[in-house]
């Protein structure tokens, strides 16, 4: 029973600390950098971009990073900071 209670507390704590991409990308559109600027930055970092779209208020990028790994990454549209990576 103690293990179950500990597991439940741990899961609850971890779940409460996780913010969704939508929460982290609450930026007025007037403050967004152009999508093309993100593409140029990533390409300069060695990425191959397959698709960039807007999802949950973030730029969602599908592509391959410089290491050749397939990526699905959400970026803050103002700062281009990584918000979430799948």
PDB file of N, CA and C in Angstrom:
ATOM      1  N   UNK A   1       0.819  -1.190   0.000  1.00  0.00           N
ATOM      2  CA  UNK A   1       0.000   0.000   0.000  1.00  0.00           C
ATOM      3  C   UNK A   1       0.863   1.254   0.000  1.00  0.00           C
ATOM      4  N   UNK A   2       1.989   1.230   0.747  1.00  0.00           N
ATOM      5  CA  UNK A   2       2.865   2.396   0.796  1.00  0.00           C
ATOM      6  C   UNK A   2       3.453   2.686  -0.580  1.00  0.00           C
ATOM      7  N   UNK A   3       3.815   1.618  -1.320  1.00  0.00           N
ATOM      8  CA  UNK A   3       4.377   1.811  -2.663  1.00  0.00           C
ATOM      9  C   UNK A   3       3.355   2.457  -3.576  1.00  0.00           C
ATOM     10  N   UNK A   4       2.101   2.028  -3.471  1.00  0.00           N
ATOM     11  CA  UNK A   4       1.045   2.596  -4.305  1.00  0.00           C
ATOM     12  C   UNK A   4       0.862   4.074  -3.984  1.00  0.00           C
ATOM     13  N   UNK A   5       0.817   4.409  -2.696  1.00  0.00           N
ATOM     14  CA  UNK A   5       0.628   5.806  -2.279  1.00  0.00           C
ATOM     15  C   UNK A   5       1.793   6.665  -2.744  1.00  0.00           C
ATOM     16  N   UNK A   6       3.012   6.150  -2.632  1.00  0.00           N
ATOM     17  CA  UNK A   6       4.185   6.884  -3.072  1.00  0.00           C
ATOM     18  C   UNK A   6       4.153   7.106  -4.583  1.00  0.00           C
ATOM     19  N   UNK A   7       3.777   6.076  -5.315  1.00  0.00           N
ATOM     20  CA  UNK A   7       3.676   6.189  -6.767  1.00  0.00           C
ATOM     21  C   UNK A   7       2.633   7.221  -7.167  1.00  0.00           C
ATOM     22  N   UNK A   8       1.502   7.204  -6.480  1.00  0.00           N
ATOM     23  CA  UNK A   8       0.431   8.153  -6.768  1.00  0.00           C
ATOM     24  C   UNK A   8       0.881   9.586  -6.490  1.00  0.00           C
ATOM     25  N   UNK A   9       1.571   9.804  -5.401  1.00  0.00           N
ATOM     26  CA  UNK A   9       2.083  11.138  -5.067  1.00  0.00           C
ATOM     27  C   UNK A   9       3.095  11.584  -6.114  1.00  0.00           C
ATOM     28  N   UNK A  10       3.985  10.708  -6.495  1.00  0.00           N
ATOM     29  CA  UNK A  10       5.005  11.031  -7.485  1.00  0.00           C
ATOM     30  C   UNK A  10       4.375  11.395  -8.826  1.00  0.00           C
ATOM     31  N   UNK A  11       3.425  10.619  -9.282  1.00  0.00           N
ATOM     32  CA  UNK A  11       2.757  10.899 -10.549  1.00  0.00           C
ATOM     33  C   UNK A  11       1.990  12.215 -10.497  1.00  0.00           C
ATOM     34  N   UNK A  12       1.333  12.479  -9.403  1.00  0.00           N
ATOM     35  CA  UNK A  12       0.587  13.722  -9.245  1.00  0.00           C
ATOM     36  C   UNK A  12       1.533  14.910  -9.272  1.00  0.00           C
ATOM     37  N   UNK A  13       2.651  14.808  -8.590  1.00  0.00           N
ATOM     38  CA  UNK A  13       3.625  15.898  -8.541  1.00  0.00           C
ATOM     39  C   UNK A  13       4.233  16.147  -9.909  1.00  0.00           C
ATOM     40  N   UNK A  14       4.614  15.093 -10.591  1.00  0.00           N
ATOM     41  CA  UNK A  14       5.202  15.254 -11.920  1.00  0.00           C
ATOM     42  C   UNK A  14       4.197  15.838 -12.896  1.00  0.00           C
ATOM     43  N   UNK A  15       2.967  15.384 -12.839  1.00  0.00           N
ATOM     44  CA  UNK A  15       1.938  15.892 -13.738  1.00  0.00           C
ATOM     45  C   UNK A  15       1.629  17.348 -13.494  1.00  0.00           C
ATOM     46  N   UNK A  16       1.675  17.775 -12.264  1.00  0.00           N
ATOM     47  CA  UNK A  16       1.368  19.164 -11.931  1.00  0.00           C
ATOM     48  C   UNK A  16       2.452  20.105 -12.421  1.00  0.00           C
ATOM     49  N   UNK A  17       3.686  19.626 -12.518  1.00  0.00           N
ATOM     50  CA  UNK A  17       4.788  20.475 -12.932  1.00  0.00           C
ATOM     51  C   UNK A  17       4.931  20.603 -14.434  1.00  0.00           C
ATOM     52  N   UNK A  18       4.291  19.754 -15.174  1.00  0.00           N
ATOM     53  CA  UNK A  18       4.432  19.772 -16.622  1.00  0.00           C
ATOM     54  C   UNK A  18       3.473  20.787 -17.227  1.00  0.00           C
ATOM     55  N   UNK A  19       4.017  21.715 -17.990  1.00  0.00           N
ATOM     56  CA  UNK A  19       3.195  22.718 -18.663  1.00  0.00           C
ATOM     57  C   UNK A  19       3.028  22.313 -20.120  1.00  0.00           C
ATOM     58  N   UNK A  20       1.871  22.583 -20.663  1.00  0.00           N
ATOM     59  CA  UNK A  20       1.646  22.261 -22.065  1.00  0.00           C
ATOM     60  C   UNK A  20       2.314  23.307 -22.947  1.00  0.00           C
ATOM     61  N   UNK A  21       2.502  22.963 -24.205  1.00  0.00           N
ATOM     62  CA  UNK A  21       3.093  23.906 -25.154  1.00  0.00           C
ATOM     63  C   UNK A  21       2.251  25.168 -25.244  1.00  0.00           C
ATOM     64  N   UNK A  22       0.939  25.015 -25.188  1.00  0.00           N
ATOM     65  CA  UNK A  22       0.043  26.169 -25.282  1.00  0.00           C
ATOM     66  C   UNK A  22       0.287  27.149 -24.146  1.00  0.00           C
ATOM     67  N   UNK A  23       0.551  26.636 -22.963  1.00  0.00           N
ATOM     68  CA  UNK A  23       0.819  27.509 -21.820  1.00  0.00           C
ATOM     69  C   UNK A  23       2.144  28.246 -21.974  1.00  0.00           C
ATOM     70  N   UNK A  24       3.106  27.613 -22.614  1.00  0.00           N
ATOM     71  CA  UNK A  24       4.434  28.202 -22.760  1.00  0.00           C
ATOM     72  C   UNK A  24       4.569  29.097 -23.987  1.00  0.00           C
ATOM     73  N   UNK A  25       3.578  29.092 -24.850  1.00  0.00           N
ATOM     74  CA  UNK A  25       3.636  29.893 -26.072  1.00  0.00           C
ATOM     75  C   UNK A  25       2.551  30.966 -26.100  1.00  0.00           C
ATOM     76  N   UNK A  26       2.253  31.526 -24.973  1.00  0.00           N
ATOM     77  CA  UNK A  26       1.249  32.583 -24.920  1.00  0.00           C
ATOM     78  C   UNK A  26       1.910  33.911 -25.264  1.00  0.00           C
ATOM     79  N   UNK A  27       2.080  34.135 -26.553  1.00  0.00           N
ATOM     80  CA  UNK A  27       2.744  35.331 -27.061  1.00  0.00           C
ATOM     81  C   UNK A  27       1.805  35.999 -28.049  1.00  0.00           C
ATOM     82  N   UNK A  28       1.559  37.305 -27.904  1.00  0.00           N
ATOM     83  CA  UNK A  28       0.729  37.993 -28.902  1.00  0.00           C
ATOM     84  C   UNK A  28       1.358  37.880 -30.292  1.00  0.00           C
ATOM     85  N   UNK A  29       0.530  37.644 -31.298  1.00  0.00           N
ATOM     86  CA  UNK A  29       1.050  37.448 -32.658  1.00  0.00           C
ATOM     87  C   UNK A  29       1.895  38.613 -33.144  1.00  0.00           C
ATOM     88  N   UNK A  30       1.629  39.805 -32.665  1.00  0.00           N
ATOM     89  CA  UNK A  30       2.407  40.979 -33.074  1.00  0.00           C
ATOM     90  C   UNK A  30       3.873  40.868 -32.644  1.00  0.00           C
ATOM     91  N   UNK A  31       4.155  40.007 -31.664  1.00  0.00           N
ATOM     92  CA  UNK A  31       5.515  39.835 -31.160  1.00  0.00           C
ATOM     93  C   UNK A  31       6.240  38.629 -31.765  1.00  0.00           C
ATOM     94  N   UNK A  32       5.563  37.891 -32.611  1.00  0.00           N
ATOM     95  CA  UNK A  32       6.165  36.700 -33.214  1.00  0.00           C
ATOM     96  C   UNK A  32       7.244  37.098 -34.218  1.00  0.00           C
ATOM     97  N   UNK A  33       8.290  36.295 -34.274  1.00  0.00           N
ATOM     98  CA  UNK A  33       9.274  36.408 -35.347  1.00  0.00           C
ATOM     99  C   UNK A  33       8.735  35.613 -36.541  1.00  0.00           C
ATOM    100  N   UNK A  34       9.144  35.978 -37.744  1.00  0.00           N
ATOM    101  CA  UNK A  34       8.661  35.240 -38.918  1.00  0.00           C
ATOM    102  C   UNK A  34       9.094  33.773 -38.899  1.00  0.00           C
ATOM    103  N   UNK A  35       8.225  32.931 -39.414  1.00  0.00           N
ATOM    104  CA  UNK A  35       8.500  31.496 -39.512  1.00  0.00           C
ATOM    105  C   UNK A  35       9.785  31.253 -40.308  1.00  0.00           C
ATOM    106  N   UNK A  36      10.000  32.060 -41.323  1.00  0.00           N
ATOM    107  CA  UNK A  36      11.192  31.902 -42.168  1.00  0.00           C
ATOM    108  C   UNK A  36      12.482  32.132 -41.368  1.00  0.00           C
ATOM    109  N   UNK A  37      12.429  33.022 -40.383  1.00  0.00           N
ATOM    110  CA  UNK A  37      13.604  33.266 -39.546  1.00  0.00           C
ATOM    111  C   UNK A  37      13.955  32.023 -38.724  1.00  0.00           C
ATOM    112  N   UNK A  38      12.937  31.320 -38.241  1.00  0.00           N
ATOM    113  CA  UNK A  38      13.178  30.070 -37.504  1.00  0.00           C
ATOM    114  C   UNK A  38      13.767  29.025 -38.440  1.00  0.00           C
ATOM    115  N   UNK A  39      13.208  28.911 -39.631  1.00  0.00           N
ATOM    116  CA  UNK A  39      13.727  27.944 -40.601  1.00  0.00           C
ATOM    117  C   UNK A  39      15.193  28.236 -40.907  1.00  0.00           C
ATOM    118  N   UNK A  40      15.540  29.499 -41.122  1.00  0.00           N
ATOM    119  CA  UNK A  40      16.932  29.869 -41.425  1.00  0.00           C
ATOM    120  C   UNK A  40      17.860  29.534 -40.259  1.00  0.00           C
ATOM    121  N   UNK A  41      17.400  29.821 -39.036  1.00  0.00           N
ATOM    122  CA  UNK A  41      18.204  29.519 -37.858  1.00  0.00           C
ATOM    123  C   UNK A  41      18.475  28.021 -37.749  1.00  0.00           C
ATOM    124  N   UNK A  42      17.428  27.221 -37.910  1.00  0.00           N
ATOM    125  CA  UNK A  42      17.587  25.774 -37.791  1.00  0.00           C
ATOM    126  C   UNK A  42      18.459  25.207 -38.908  1.00  0.00           C
ATOM    127  N   UNK A  43      18.277  25.703 -40.112  1.00  0.00           N
ATOM    128  CA  UNK A  43      19.112  25.243 -41.228  1.00  0.00           C
ATOM    129  C   UNK A  43      20.576  25.592 -40.990  1.00  0.00           C
ATOM    130  N   UNK A  44      20.835  26.765 -40.419  1.00  0.00           N
ATOM    131  CA  UNK A  44      22.207  27.153 -40.087  1.00  0.00           C
ATOM    132  C   UNK A  44      22.797  26.238 -39.011  1.00  0.00           C
ATOM    133  N   UNK A  45      21.921  25.672 -38.172  1.00  0.00           N
ATOM    134  CA  UNK A  45      22.348  24.727 -37.144  1.00  0.00           C
ATOM    135  C   UNK A  45      22.441  23.295 -37.673  1.00  0.00           C
ATOM    136  N   UNK A  46      22.228  23.103 -38.980  1.00  0.00           N
ATOM    137  CA  UNK A  46      22.376  21.783 -39.578  1.00  0.00           C
ATOM    138  C   UNK A  46      21.105  20.983 -39.744  1.00  0.00           C
ATOM    139  N   UNK A  47      19.958  21.600 -39.475  1.00  0.00           N
ATOM    140  CA  UNK A  47      18.683  20.903 -39.619  1.00  0.00           C
ATOM    141  C   UNK A  47      18.261  20.830 -41.082  1.00  0.00           C
ATOM    142  N   UNK A  48      17.495  19.783 -41.401  1.00  0.00           N
ATOM    143  CA  UNK A  48      16.745  19.695 -42.644  1.00  0.00           C
ATOM    144  C   UNK A  48      15.280  19.797 -42.239  1.00  0.00           C
ATOM    145  N   UNK A  49      14.599  20.810 -42.755  1.00  0.00           N
ATOM    146  CA  UNK A  49      13.223  21.093 -42.358  1.00  0.00           C
ATOM    147  C   UNK A  49      12.266  20.411 -43.324  1.00  0.00           C
ATOM    148  N   UNK A  50      11.341  19.646 -42.770  1.00  0.00           N
ATOM    149  CA  UNK A  50      10.302  19.009 -43.578  1.00  0.00           C
ATOM    150  C   UNK A  50       9.045  19.873 -43.599  1.00  0.00           C
ATOM    151  N   UNK A  51       8.659  20.389 -42.407  1.00  0.00           N
ATOM    152  CA  UNK A  51       7.421  21.159 -42.310  1.00  0.00           C
ATOM    153  C   UNK A  51       7.469  22.035 -41.069  1.00  0.00           C
ATOM    154  N   UNK A  52       6.929  23.245 -41.191  1.00  0.00           N
ATOM    155  CA  UNK A  52       6.747  24.134 -40.040  1.00  0.00           C
ATOM    156  C   UNK A  52       5.291  24.563 -40.037  1.00  0.00           C
ATOM    157  N   UNK A  53       4.642  24.401 -38.893  1.00  0.00           N
ATOM    158  CA  UNK A  53       3.252  24.830 -38.783  1.00  0.00           C
ATOM    159  C   UNK A  53       3.027  25.461 -37.422  1.00  0.00           C
ATOM    160  N   UNK A  54       1.886  26.086 -37.262  1.00  0.00           N
ATOM    161  CA  UNK A  54       1.513  26.675 -35.984  1.00  0.00           C
ATOM    162  C   UNK A  54       0.588  25.702 -35.273  1.00  0.00           C
ATOM    163  N   UNK A  55       0.941  25.375 -34.017  1.00  0.00           N
ATOM    164  CA  UNK A  55       0.128  24.476 -33.214  1.00  0.00           C
ATOM    165  C   UNK A  55       0.221  24.929 -31.765  1.00  0.00           C
ATOM    166  N   UNK A  56      -0.899  25.060 -31.104  1.00  0.00           N
ATOM    167  CA  UNK A  56      -0.972  25.464 -29.703  1.00  0.00           C
ATOM    168  C   UNK A  56      -0.261  26.796 -29.458  1.00  0.00           C
ATOM    169  N   UNK A  57      -0.268  27.682 -30.446  1.00  0.00           N
ATOM    170  CA  UNK A  57       0.372  28.984 -30.294  1.00  0.00           C
ATOM    171  C   UNK A  57       1.874  28.958 -30.461  1.00  0.00           C
ATOM    172  N   UNK A  58       2.425  27.813 -30.834  1.00  0.00           N
ATOM    173  CA  UNK A  58       3.867  27.647 -31.037  1.00  0.00           C
ATOM    174  C   UNK A  58       4.151  27.332 -32.499  1.00  0.00           C
ATOM    175  N   UNK A  59       5.401  27.492 -32.889  1.00  0.00           N
ATOM    176  CA  UNK A  59       5.844  26.930 -34.158  1.00  0.00           C
ATOM    177  C   UNK A  59       6.185  25.471 -33.898  1.00  0.00           C
ATOM    178  N   UNK A  60       5.588  24.587 -34.668  1.00  0.00           N
ATOM    179  CA  UNK A  60       5.892  23.164 -34.562  1.00  0.00           C
ATOM    180  C   UNK A  60       6.704  22.777 -35.792  1.00  0.00           C
ATOM    181  N   UNK A  61       7.883  22.235 -35.558  1.00  0.00           N
ATOM    182  CA  UNK A  61       8.804  21.917 -36.647  1.00  0.00           C
ATOM    183  C   UNK A  61       8.993  20.409 -36.730  1.00  0.00           C
ATOM    184  N   UNK A  62       8.847  19.897 -37.943  1.00  0.00           N
ATOM    185  CA  UNK A  62       9.151  18.499 -38.251  1.00  0.00           C
ATOM    186  C   UNK A  62      10.393  18.523 -39.129  1.00  0.00           C
ATOM    187  N   UNK A  63      11.386  17.753 -38.755  1.00  0.00           N
ATOM    188  CA  UNK A  63      12.592  17.730 -39.564  1.00  0.00           C
ATOM    189  C   UNK A  63      13.613  16.786 -38.985  1.00  0.00           C
ATOM    190  N   UNK A  64      14.841  16.969 -39.439  1.00  0.00           N
ATOM    191  CA  UNK A  64      15.963  16.155 -39.006  1.00  0.00           C
ATOM    192  C   UNK A  64      17.039  17.088 -38.485  1.00  0.00           C
ATOM    193  N   UNK A  65      17.544  16.815 -37.282  1.00  0.00           N
ATOM    194  CA  UNK A  65      18.575  17.688 -36.715  1.00  0.00           C
ATOM    195  C   UNK A  65      19.939  17.378 -37.315  1.00  0.00           C
ATOM    196  N   UNK A  66      20.956  18.096 -36.852  1.00  0.00           N
ATOM    197  CA  UNK A  66      22.314  17.947 -37.398  1.00  0.00           C
ATOM    198  C   UNK A  66      22.885  16.551 -37.177  1.00  0.00           C
ATOM    199  N   UNK A  67      22.354  15.816 -36.193  1.00  0.00           N
ATOM    200  CA  UNK A  67      22.812  14.451 -35.923  1.00  0.00           C
ATOM    201  C   UNK A  67      22.083  13.421 -36.774  1.00  0.00           C
ATOM    202  N   UNK A  68      21.129  13.879 -37.601  1.00  0.00           N
ATOM    203  CA  UNK A  68      20.369  12.964 -38.441  1.00  0.00           C
ATOM    204  C   UNK A  68      19.166  12.352 -37.747  1.00  0.00           C
ATOM    205  N   UNK A  69      18.796  12.884 -36.591  1.00  0.00           N
ATOM    206  CA  UNK A  69      17.665  12.360 -35.819  1.00  0.00           C
ATOM    207  C   UNK A  69      16.380  13.082 -36.218  1.00  0.00           C
ATOM    208  N   UNK A  70      15.318  12.304 -36.468  1.00  0.00           N
ATOM    209  CA  UNK A  70      14.025  12.908 -36.779  1.00  0.00           C
ATOM    210  C   UNK A  70      13.521  13.641 -35.550  1.00  0.00           C
ATOM    211  N   UNK A  71      12.962  14.811 -35.776  1.00  0.00           N
ATOM    212  CA  UNK A  71      12.527  15.660 -34.678  1.00  0.00           C
ATOM    213  C   UNK A  71      11.127  16.198 -34.912  1.00  0.00           C
ATOM    214  N   UNK A  72      10.395  16.370 -33.821  1.00  0.00           N
ATOM    215  CA  UNK A  72       9.139  17.114 -33.781  1.00  0.00           C
ATOM    216  C   UNK A  72       9.276  18.022 -32.572  1.00  0.00           C
ATOM    217  N   UNK A  73       9.483  19.308 -32.825  1.00  0.00           N
ATOM    218  CA  UNK A  73       9.831  20.236 -31.751  1.00  0.00           C
ATOM    219  C   UNK A  73       8.930  21.460 -31.820  1.00  0.00           C
ATOM    220  N   UNK A  74       8.480  21.901 -30.644  1.00  0.00           N
ATOM    221  CA  UNK A  74       7.696  23.124 -30.524  1.00  0.00           C
ATOM    222  C   UNK A  74       8.631  24.249 -30.086  1.00  0.00           C
ATOM    223  N   UNK A  75       8.541  25.398 -30.759  1.00  0.00           N
ATOM    224  CA  UNK A  75       9.364  26.554 -30.445  1.00  0.00           C
ATOM    225  C   UNK A  75       8.488  27.736 -30.069  1.00  0.00           C
ATOM    226  N   UNK A  76       8.945  28.524 -29.093  1.00  0.00           N
ATOM    227  CA  UNK A  76       8.287  29.773 -28.749  1.00  0.00           C
ATOM    228  C   UNK A  76       8.437  30.700 -29.951  1.00  0.00           C
ATOM    229  N   UNK A  77       7.352  31.283 -30.460  1.00  0.00           N
ATOM    230  CA  UNK A  77       7.429  32.080 -31.679  1.00  0.00           C
ATOM    231  C   UNK A  77       8.122  33.432 -31.508  1.00  0.00           C
ATOM    232  N   UNK A  78       8.320  33.871 -30.284  1.00  0.00           N
ATOM    233  CA  UNK A  78       9.000  35.147 -30.037  1.00  0.00           C
ATOM    234  C   UNK A  78      10.496  34.949 -29.840  1.00  0.00           C
ATOM    235  N   UNK A  79      10.863  33.926 -29.071  1.00  0.00           N
ATOM    236  CA  UNK A  79      12.263  33.725 -28.677  1.00  0.00           C
ATOM    237  C   UNK A  79      12.958  32.587 -29.420  1.00  0.00           C
ATOM    238  N   UNK A  80      12.179  31.716 -30.029  1.00  0.00           N
ATOM    239  CA  UNK A  80      12.648  30.488 -30.675  1.00  0.00           C
ATOM    240  C   UNK A  80      13.250  29.500 -29.662  1.00  0.00           C
ATOM    241  N   UNK A  81      12.920  29.679 -28.382  1.00  0.00           N
ATOM    242  CA  UNK A  81      13.330  28.704 -27.374  1.00  0.00           C
ATOM    243  C   UNK A  81      12.519  27.430 -27.576  1.00  0.00           C
ATOM    244  N   UNK A  82      13.145  26.274 -27.329  1.00  0.00           N
ATOM    245  CA  UNK A  82      12.437  24.991 -27.405  1.00  0.00           C
ATOM    246  C   UNK A  82      11.470  24.922 -26.227  1.00  0.00           C
ATOM    247  N   UNK A  83      10.211  24.630 -26.545  1.00  0.00           N
ATOM    248  CA  UNK A  83       9.168  24.526 -25.537  1.00  0.00           C
ATOM    249  C   UNK A  83       8.865  23.070 -25.227  1.00  0.00           C
ATOM    250  N   UNK A  84       8.889  22.248 -26.265  1.00  0.00           N
ATOM    251  CA  UNK A  84       8.546  20.835 -26.115  1.00  0.00           C
ATOM    252  C   UNK A  84       9.178  20.078 -27.275  1.00  0.00           C
ATOM    253  N   UNK A  85       9.688  18.906 -27.000  1.00  0.00           N
ATOM    254  CA  UNK A  85      10.252  18.061 -28.055  1.00  0.00           C
ATOM    255  C   UNK A  85       9.696  16.651 -27.907  1.00  0.00           C
ATOM    256  N   UNK A  86       9.247  16.094 -29.018  1.00  0.00           N
ATOM    257  CA  UNK A  86       8.723  14.723 -29.021  1.00  0.00           C
ATOM    258  C   UNK A  86       9.704  13.793 -29.695  1.00  0.00           C
TER     259      UNK A  86
END
